[in-house]
Amino acid sequence: MERIENTLAKLVDLDRWLIDRHFPMTNQSIDPLSIPWAPAVAARWPDIRRELDDLLATGIQMPDINEVMGEELGAEGPWTTYILFSFGSWVEANAARCPATAEVCRGIPDLEIAGFTVLDGGTHIPLHRGPFRALRYQLGVRVPEPIGACRLQVADEVIVWEDGKSLAFDDACEHEAWNDTDEARYVFFVQTRWPLPGWEGVAHRAIHRVLALAARSVPAKAEELDHALNGWR
């Protein structure tokens, strides 16, 4: 086990070096307009919002993210998720309920994870960082007022959530989230690999295929939890 962990740590270090050559780490968010596919995703906000509203109107229950991921992620308050795609596998029942949103996901290159992330009112996700460098894009789908009560801090920058607003950041950069309202906050989230060219891109994709093995149980677990919560609805 220790040998495997050491190998994975070396792969993460190599991956970081490859990414740093083209996208140096910074202590701020990433301009979503710099991501070629992001404006097209943001333009589909009305479709994504409509599908989310329809989904919630049916009474769909979303599982706790700790149960889906198989580990305690440290949120202070309820944090749920609705996974559509994870490391090469679709959560078929979830995607079937959100066909337009799934179509949006299929148009995103180098996709690793996609779905909805939900913070209940009063939930706080303390400062944390992802296990490796990954490009995270998020779109505010259903954000309760007042403006400023739902926000994300990426390093030294505070970003305020609003309906239809996009943001992006490096998951390896420290970040923290709050929902200081009494209602749930719904965000569409995407994780992708970095668009590295040539041999560096080949190596980066190969490393992430190895790293994805650690998350290979996620789609099956999401499907299992969905059936337990919602049956065949």
Protein backbone atom coordinates (compact mmCIF):
# COMPACT_ATOMS: atom_id res chain seq x y z
CA MET A 1 0.00 0.00 0.00
CA GLU A 2 2.80 2.41 0.90
CA ARG A 3 4.51 1.67 -2.40
CA ILE A 4 1.31 2.48 -4.31
CA GLU A 5 0.84 5.72 -2.38
CA ASN A 6 4.44 6.75 -3.11
CA THR A 7 3.95 6.02 -6.81
CA LEU A 8 0.75 8.06 -6.92
CA ALA A 9 2.49 10.95 -5.13
CA LYS A 10 5.26 10.92 -7.74
CA LEU A 11 2.66 10.93 -10.54
CA VAL A 12 0.90 13.92 -8.95
CA ASP A 13 4.24 15.76 -8.75
CA LEU A 14 4.99 14.96 -12.40
CA ASP A 15 1.50 16.06 -13.41
CA ARG A 16 1.92 19.36 -11.55
CA TRP A 17 5.24 19.95 -13.35
CA LEU A 18 3.63 19.32 -16.74
CA ILE A 19 0.75 21.70 -16.03
CA ASP A 20 3.03 24.37 -14.56
CA ARG A 21 4.89 24.57 -17.87
CA HIS A 22 1.76 26.00 -19.53
CA PHE A 23 -0.55 27.09 -16.68
CA PRO A 24 1.49 28.33 -13.70
CA MET A 25 -0.30 28.11 -10.35
CA THR A 26 -1.77 31.42 -9.16
CA ASN A 27 -3.55 32.63 -6.02
CA GLN A 28 -6.69 33.69 -7.85
CA SER A 29 -9.55 32.32 -9.86
CA ILE A 30 -9.39 31.64 -13.61
CA ASP A 31 -11.27 33.88 -16.03
CA PRO A 32 -14.00 31.59 -17.43
CA LEU A 33 -13.87 33.53 -20.71
CA SER A 34 -10.35 32.14 -21.17
CA ILE A 35 -11.80 28.61 -21.40
CA PRO A 36 -12.91 28.04 -25.02
CA TRP A 37 -15.97 25.92 -24.22
CA ALA A 38 -17.17 27.83 -21.12
CA PRO A 39 -19.25 30.57 -22.83
CA ALA A 40 -21.29 27.91 -24.65
CA VAL A 41 -22.01 26.19 -21.33
CA ALA A 42 -23.03 29.48 -19.69
CA ALA A 43 -25.36 30.18 -22.61
CA ARG A 44 -27.26 26.99 -21.73
CA TRP A 45 -28.03 28.25 -18.20
CA PRO A 46 -31.80 28.62 -18.93
CA ASP A 47 -31.97 24.97 -20.07
CA ILE A 48 -29.98 23.72 -17.09
CA ARG A 49 -32.09 25.79 -14.68
CA ARG A 50 -35.33 24.52 -16.21
CA GLU A 51 -34.22 20.90 -15.87
CA LEU A 52 -33.10 21.43 -12.29
CA ASP A 53 -36.42 23.06 -11.41
CA ASP A 54 -38.31 20.16 -13.03
CA LEU A 55 -36.11 17.68 -11.17
CA LEU A 56 -36.78 19.31 -7.81
CA ALA A 57 -40.51 19.56 -8.56
CA THR A 58 -40.66 15.76 -8.76
CA GLY A 59 -39.25 15.51 -5.23
CA ILE A 60 -35.93 13.97 -6.22
CA GLN A 61 -33.60 13.39 -3.26
CA MET A 62 -29.88 13.99 -3.72
CA PRO A 63 -27.33 11.95 -1.75
CA ASP A 64 -24.83 13.28 0.75
CA ILE A 65 -21.53 13.91 -0.98
CA ASN A 66 -19.61 12.03 1.71
CA GLU A 67 -21.57 8.88 0.90
CA VAL A 68 -21.00 9.29 -2.84
CA MET A 69 -17.27 9.91 -2.49
CA GLY A 70 -16.75 7.36 0.29
CA GLU A 71 -14.97 9.78 2.59
CA GLU A 72 -15.65 12.63 4.99
CA LEU A 73 -15.09 15.95 3.18
CA GLY A 74 -15.53 18.17 6.21
CA ALA A 75 -18.55 20.33 5.37
CA GLU A 76 -20.24 22.09 8.26
CA GLY A 77 -23.86 21.43 7.32
CA PRO A 78 -25.62 19.40 4.60
CA TRP A 79 -23.74 19.12 1.29
CA THR A 80 -25.32 16.96 -1.39
CA THR A 81 -24.52 16.18 -5.01
CA TYR A 82 -26.14 14.86 -8.16
CA ILE A 83 -23.47 13.26 -10.32
CA LEU A 84 -24.11 12.95 -14.05
CA PHE A 85 -20.68 11.79 -15.22
CA SER A 86 -17.58 10.58 -13.40
CA PHE A 87 -14.26 9.50 -14.92
CA GLY A 88 -15.59 7.86 -18.06
CA SER A 89 -18.92 6.58 -16.72
CA TRP A 90 -22.40 8.10 -16.84
CA VAL A 91 -24.80 7.80 -13.94
CA GLU A 92 -27.49 6.72 -16.36
CA ALA A 93 -30.59 7.42 -14.27
CA ASN A 94 -29.42 10.92 -13.39
CA ALA A 95 -28.41 11.77 -16.95
CA ALA A 96 -31.73 10.48 -18.30
CA ARG A 97 -33.62 12.89 -16.03
CA CYS A 98 -31.51 15.82 -17.29
CA PRO A 99 -31.04 15.24 -21.05
CA ALA A 100 -30.23 18.86 -21.97
CA THR A 101 -27.68 19.14 -19.16
CA ALA A 102 -26.17 15.81 -20.18
CA GLU A 103 -25.93 17.14 -23.74
CA VAL A 104 -24.01 20.14 -22.40
CA CYS A 105 -21.61 17.77 -20.64
CA ARG A 106 -20.99 15.79 -23.83
CA GLY A 107 -19.75 18.97 -25.51
CA ILE A 108 -17.03 19.60 -22.91
CA PRO A 109 -13.59 18.29 -23.92
CA ASP A 110 -11.46 16.28 -21.49
CA LEU A 111 -14.39 15.93 -19.09
CA GLU A 112 -13.69 14.08 -15.83
CA ILE A 113 -16.65 14.89 -13.55
CA ALA A 114 -19.93 16.77 -14.01
CA GLY A 115 -23.11 17.27 -12.02
CA PHE A 116 -24.81 19.49 -9.47
CA THR A 117 -23.35 20.46 -6.11
CA VAL A 118 -25.81 21.63 -3.47
CA LEU A 119 -25.18 23.51 -0.23
CA ASP A 120 -28.13 23.68 2.12
CA GLY A 121 -28.83 26.93 3.92
CA GLY A 122 -26.27 27.65 6.64
CA THR A 123 -23.66 25.24 5.22
CA HIS A 124 -19.98 26.14 5.21
CA ILE A 125 -17.19 24.21 3.47
CA PRO A 126 -13.95 25.07 5.28
CA LEU A 127 -10.73 25.96 3.49
CA HIS A 128 -9.45 22.96 1.52
CA ARG A 129 -7.78 21.96 -1.73
CA GLY A 130 -8.12 19.09 -4.17
CA PRO A 131 -5.60 16.22 -4.27
CA PHE A 132 -4.16 17.26 -7.66
CA ARG A 133 -4.35 20.06 -10.20
CA ALA A 134 -7.65 19.94 -12.09
CA LEU A 135 -9.61 22.62 -13.92
CA ARG A 136 -12.90 23.33 -12.14
CA TYR A 137 -15.71 25.25 -13.83
CA GLN A 138 -18.91 26.14 -12.00
CA LEU A 139 -22.17 27.80 -13.05
CA GLY A 140 -24.65 29.30 -10.60
CA VAL A 141 -27.96 27.63 -11.47
CA ARG A 142 -30.26 28.44 -8.55
CA VAL A 143 -28.71 30.87 -6.08
CA PRO A 144 -30.81 32.28 -3.23
CA GLU A 145 -30.70 35.95 -2.29
CA PRO A 146 -29.42 38.22 -0.89
CA ILE A 147 -26.51 38.58 -3.29
CA GLY A 148 -23.30 37.98 -1.40
CA ALA A 149 -24.71 35.41 1.03
CA CYS A 150 -23.55 32.57 -1.27
CA ARG A 151 -19.89 32.94 -2.10
CA LEU A 152 -16.66 31.12 -2.84
CA GLN A 153 -13.20 32.20 -1.76
CA VAL A 154 -10.32 31.09 -3.97
CA ALA A 155 -7.03 31.89 -2.22
CA ASP A 156 -7.26 35.66 -1.58
CA GLU A 157 -10.24 36.30 -3.86
CA VAL A 158 -13.91 36.21 -2.86
CA ILE A 159 -16.39 35.45 -5.65
CA VAL A 160 -20.10 36.08 -5.15
CA TRP A 161 -22.55 33.58 -6.62
CA GLU A 162 -25.40 34.71 -8.84
CA ASP A 163 -27.82 32.92 -11.16
CA GLY A 164 -26.16 32.34 -14.53
CA LYS A 165 -22.71 33.45 -13.33
CA SER A 166 -19.67 31.36 -14.26
CA LEU A 167 -16.41 30.96 -12.42
CA ALA A 168 -13.37 28.73 -12.76
CA PHE A 169 -10.42 27.82 -10.57
CA ASP A 170 -7.66 25.30 -10.05
CA ASP A 171 -8.89 22.62 -7.64
CA ALA A 172 -5.39 22.46 -6.12
CA CYS A 173 -5.74 26.10 -5.04
CA GLU A 174 -7.16 26.59 -1.55
CA HIS A 175 -10.86 27.41 -1.62
CA GLU A 176 -13.78 27.80 0.78
CA ALA A 177 -17.56 28.12 0.32
CA TRP A 178 -20.51 29.56 2.25
CA ASN A 179 -24.28 29.59 1.99
CA ASP A 180 -25.50 32.05 4.62
CA THR A 181 -29.15 31.93 3.49
CA ASP A 182 -32.03 29.70 4.60
CA GLU A 183 -32.38 28.05 1.19
CA ALA A 184 -30.30 25.57 -0.80
CA ARG A 185 -27.76 26.81 -3.34
CA TYR A 186 -27.49 24.80 -6.59
CA VAL A 187 -24.42 24.95 -8.82
CA PHE A 188 -23.58 23.01 -12.00
CA PHE A 189 -19.96 21.89 -11.74
CA VAL A 190 -17.46 20.44 -14.15
CA GLN A 191 -13.94 19.09 -13.69
CA THR A 192 -11.69 18.63 -16.71
CA ARG A 193 -8.11 17.86 -17.48
CA TRP A 194 -5.91 20.75 -18.59
CA PRO A 195 -5.59 21.40 -22.35
CA LEU A 196 -1.89 20.57 -22.64
CA PRO A 197 -0.35 20.20 -26.11
CA GLY A 198 1.80 17.48 -27.64
CA TRP A 199 3.61 14.91 -25.56
CA GLU A 200 2.79 16.79 -22.37
CA GLY A 201 -0.91 16.38 -23.06
CA VAL A 202 -0.44 12.66 -23.73
CA ALA A 203 1.43 12.25 -20.44
CA HIS A 204 -1.11 14.38 -18.53
CA ARG A 205 -4.05 12.33 -19.80
CA ALA A 206 -2.26 9.07 -18.97
CA ILE A 207 -1.53 10.24 -15.42
CA HIS A 208 -5.15 11.24 -14.90
CA ARG A 209 -6.35 7.85 -16.11
CA VAL A 210 -4.28 6.33 -13.31
CA LEU A 211 -5.49 8.87 -10.74
CA ALA A 212 -9.08 8.19 -11.84
CA LEU A 213 -8.77 4.61 -10.59
CA ALA A 214 -9.10 5.98 -7.05
CA ALA A 215 -12.56 7.32 -8.00
CA ARG A 216 -13.76 4.33 -10.03
CA SER A 217 -16.46 3.49 -7.46
CA VAL A 218 -18.12 6.95 -7.62
CA PRO A 219 -20.61 6.44 -10.49
CA ALA A 220 -21.72 3.04 -9.20
CA LYS A 221 -22.17 4.43 -5.70
CA ALA A 222 -24.11 7.43 -7.03
CA GLU A 223 -26.43 5.06 -8.94
CA GLU A 224 -26.89 2.88 -5.86
CA LEU A 225 -27.74 5.86 -3.64
CA ASP A 226 -30.11 7.31 -6.23
CA HIS A 227 -32.06 4.04 -6.35
CA ALA A 228 -32.17 3.87 -2.54
CA LEU A 229 -33.48 7.45 -2.30
CA ASN A 230 -35.70 7.63 -5.37
CA GLY A 231 -36.49 4.10 -6.51
CA TRP A 232 -37.22 4.01 -10.24
CA ARG A 233 -38.69 7.52 -10.34
